[in-house]
Amino acid sequence: MKSTNRFLAVAAALAVAFFAQNSWASQVVLSLDGAVAGGHVDMTVDEIEALGVEKIETTTPWHDGKVVFEGVPLQRLLEKVGATGTELDIVALNDYRTRVPVEDAAKFGVILASRKEGQPMPVSDKGPLFVIYPFDKYPELRNEVYYSRSAWQVRSITVE
């Protein structure tokens, strides 16, 4: 009887974890406004990932060792929403705000990561969206200017 109860408890916990982890995929997690087609666009993680994801394997100041991030190239996302500005005002869930030049997206191949090590990123682990620069590919990015542009828990982007 104990093994059956333990099995049911584990199965229930796994089901809760699965649905909690995947429920965000179809909820609006990102709002883009400003100089975008139509003036405002809301997107789910599913819609963002449908634009095509790429990987960046890099070290960051916030993780031990190299980490593989997957996400849509920021340049592709901006093209999809018809962005015409030169700067991005990015705001996180905790109201952290940073400004990112649009040229960084193409110049460095910045991604808006939605996965870390192949798994969706929960809010408790800097998700669901995290601006990632390829710090290892471009050593000149390893400084406070670019670290400060790497916002996590991104909720909105205003194109200016």
Protein backbone atom coordinates (compact mmCIF):
# COMPACT_ATOMS: atom_id res chain seq x y z
CA MET A 1 0.00 0.00 0.00
CA LYS A 2 2.83 2.39 0.85
CA SER A 3 4.44 1.97 -2.58
CA THR A 4 1.11 2.64 -4.30
CA ASN A 5 0.61 5.84 -2.27
CA ARG A 6 4.18 6.91 -2.96
CA PHE A 7 3.69 6.23 -6.69
CA LEU A 8 0.46 8.25 -6.74
CA ALA A 9 2.11 11.12 -4.87
CA VAL A 10 5.05 11.18 -7.29
CA ALA A 11 2.73 10.94 -10.31
CA ALA A 12 0.60 13.80 -8.99
CA ALA A 13 3.67 15.94 -8.32
CA LEU A 14 4.99 15.30 -11.82
CA ALA A 15 1.63 16.17 -13.37
CA VAL A 16 1.44 19.43 -11.42
CA ALA A 17 5.02 20.30 -12.41
CA PHE A 18 4.33 19.48 -16.06
CA PHE A 19 1.20 21.62 -16.27
CA ALA A 20 2.70 24.46 -14.26
CA GLN A 21 5.76 24.47 -16.50
CA ASN A 22 3.84 24.31 -19.76
CA SER A 23 0.85 26.51 -18.92
CA TRP A 24 2.86 29.68 -19.52
CA ALA A 25 3.56 28.68 -23.12
CA SER A 26 0.13 29.83 -24.30
CA GLN A 27 -0.21 32.89 -22.03
CA VAL A 28 0.85 36.37 -23.08
CA VAL A 29 4.31 36.92 -21.64
CA LEU A 30 5.66 39.73 -23.80
CA SER A 31 4.18 43.07 -24.89
CA LEU A 32 5.90 45.12 -27.58
CA ASP A 33 4.92 48.69 -28.30
CA GLY A 34 6.23 51.99 -29.59
CA ALA A 35 7.63 51.94 -33.11
CA VAL A 36 6.06 48.59 -34.08
CA ALA A 37 3.46 47.81 -36.75
CA GLY A 38 0.03 48.45 -35.29
CA GLY A 39 1.51 50.18 -32.24
CA HIS A 40 1.18 47.18 -29.89
CA VAL A 41 1.79 43.43 -30.07
CA ASP A 42 1.24 40.83 -27.34
CA MET A 43 2.97 37.46 -27.70
CA THR A 44 2.99 34.08 -26.00
CA VAL A 45 6.10 31.94 -25.65
CA ASP A 46 4.63 29.59 -28.28
CA GLU A 47 4.31 32.49 -30.74
CA ILE A 48 7.82 33.70 -29.96
CA GLU A 49 9.37 30.25 -30.36
CA ALA A 50 7.42 29.70 -33.61
CA LEU A 51 9.64 32.39 -35.14
CA GLY A 52 12.51 29.90 -34.91
CA VAL A 53 14.93 29.41 -32.07
CA GLU A 54 18.70 29.45 -32.04
CA LYS A 55 21.18 28.41 -29.37
CA ILE A 56 23.86 30.33 -27.58
CA GLU A 57 26.26 28.44 -25.35
CA THR A 58 28.04 30.88 -23.10
CA THR A 59 29.18 31.68 -19.61
CA THR A 60 27.37 34.43 -17.72
CA PRO A 61 28.03 36.17 -14.41
CA TRP A 62 24.83 34.58 -13.05
CA HIS A 63 25.55 30.89 -13.73
CA ASP A 64 28.30 28.38 -12.99
CA GLY A 65 30.08 27.25 -16.15
CA LYS A 66 28.75 27.31 -19.69
CA VAL A 67 25.01 27.28 -20.20
CA VAL A 68 23.02 26.55 -23.35
CA PHE A 69 20.24 29.05 -23.96
CA GLU A 70 17.65 28.76 -26.71
CA GLY A 71 15.50 31.55 -28.01
CA VAL A 72 14.41 33.64 -30.92
CA PRO A 73 17.04 35.96 -32.36
CA LEU A 74 16.08 39.43 -31.21
CA GLN A 75 16.58 40.75 -34.74
CA ARG A 76 14.03 38.26 -36.10
CA LEU A 77 11.50 39.20 -33.40
CA LEU A 78 11.91 42.90 -34.21
CA GLU A 79 11.45 42.23 -37.92
CA LYS A 80 8.30 40.17 -37.22
CA VAL A 81 6.66 43.02 -35.33
CA GLY A 82 7.74 45.64 -37.87
CA ALA A 83 10.02 47.52 -35.47
CA THR A 84 11.49 50.71 -36.93
CA GLY A 85 13.29 52.28 -33.96
CA THR A 86 16.93 52.40 -32.94
CA GLU A 87 16.66 51.63 -29.23
CA LEU A 88 14.78 49.18 -27.04
CA ASP A 89 13.45 50.01 -23.60
CA ILE A 90 13.23 46.59 -21.94
CA VAL A 91 11.32 46.12 -18.68
CA ALA A 92 11.38 43.06 -16.42
CA LEU A 93 8.70 41.68 -14.12
CA ASN A 94 10.45 43.29 -11.13
CA ASP A 95 10.48 46.65 -12.99
CA TYR A 96 14.19 46.45 -13.79
CA ARG A 97 14.65 48.59 -16.89
CA THR A 98 17.48 48.63 -19.41
CA ARG A 99 18.09 50.23 -22.78
CA VAL A 100 19.48 48.16 -25.65
CA PRO A 101 20.56 49.58 -29.01
CA VAL A 102 18.71 47.79 -31.82
CA GLU A 103 22.06 47.37 -33.61
CA ASP A 104 23.20 44.96 -30.86
CA ALA A 105 20.63 42.42 -32.09
CA ALA A 106 22.23 41.95 -35.51
CA LYS A 107 25.81 42.80 -34.59
CA PHE A 108 26.09 40.21 -31.80
CA GLY A 109 23.26 37.76 -32.55
CA VAL A 110 21.43 38.50 -29.28
CA ILE A 111 18.58 36.13 -28.47
CA LEU A 112 15.48 36.44 -26.34
CA ALA A 113 15.94 33.12 -24.58
CA SER A 114 12.95 31.09 -23.47
CA ARG A 115 14.87 27.92 -22.60
CA LYS A 116 17.93 27.04 -20.57
CA GLU A 117 19.54 23.64 -21.07
CA GLY A 118 16.55 22.64 -23.19
CA GLN A 119 13.95 23.41 -20.52
CA PRO A 120 11.51 26.32 -20.29
CA MET A 121 12.73 28.90 -17.80
CA PRO A 122 10.37 29.53 -14.90
CA VAL A 123 10.18 33.00 -13.34
CA SER A 124 12.16 31.62 -10.39
CA ASP A 125 15.06 30.93 -12.79
CA LYS A 126 15.16 34.20 -14.75
CA GLY A 127 12.34 33.27 -17.10
CA PRO A 128 10.22 33.11 -19.01
CA LEU A 129 12.31 35.43 -21.22
CA PHE A 130 15.97 36.43 -20.84
CA VAL A 131 18.04 38.70 -23.12
CA ILE A 132 21.23 36.72 -23.82
CA TYR A 133 24.38 37.99 -25.47
CA PRO A 134 27.04 35.51 -26.69
CA PHE A 135 29.57 36.60 -24.06
CA ASP A 136 32.09 33.89 -24.93
CA LYS A 137 32.02 34.58 -28.67
CA TYR A 138 32.71 38.31 -28.23
CA PRO A 139 35.07 38.98 -25.28
CA GLU A 140 34.32 42.71 -25.57
CA LEU A 141 30.84 41.94 -24.22
CA ARG A 142 32.20 40.83 -20.84
CA ASN A 143 31.59 44.07 -18.98
CA GLU A 144 28.90 45.86 -17.00
CA VAL A 145 27.50 47.67 -20.05
CA TYR A 146 26.42 44.43 -21.73
CA TYR A 147 25.68 42.54 -18.52
CA SER A 148 23.22 45.31 -17.61
CA ARG A 149 21.50 44.90 -21.00
CA SER A 150 20.90 41.20 -20.31
CA ALA A 151 17.57 41.59 -18.58
CA TRP A 152 15.80 38.51 -17.32
CA GLN A 153 12.10 38.03 -16.57
CA VAL A 154 11.43 40.32 -19.55
CA ARG A 155 7.79 41.41 -19.77
CA SER A 156 7.83 44.31 -22.22
CA ILE A 157 9.87 45.96 -24.96
CA THR A 158 9.19 49.48 -26.17
CA VAL A 159 10.82 50.24 -29.51
CA GLU A 160 11.94 53.85 -29.77
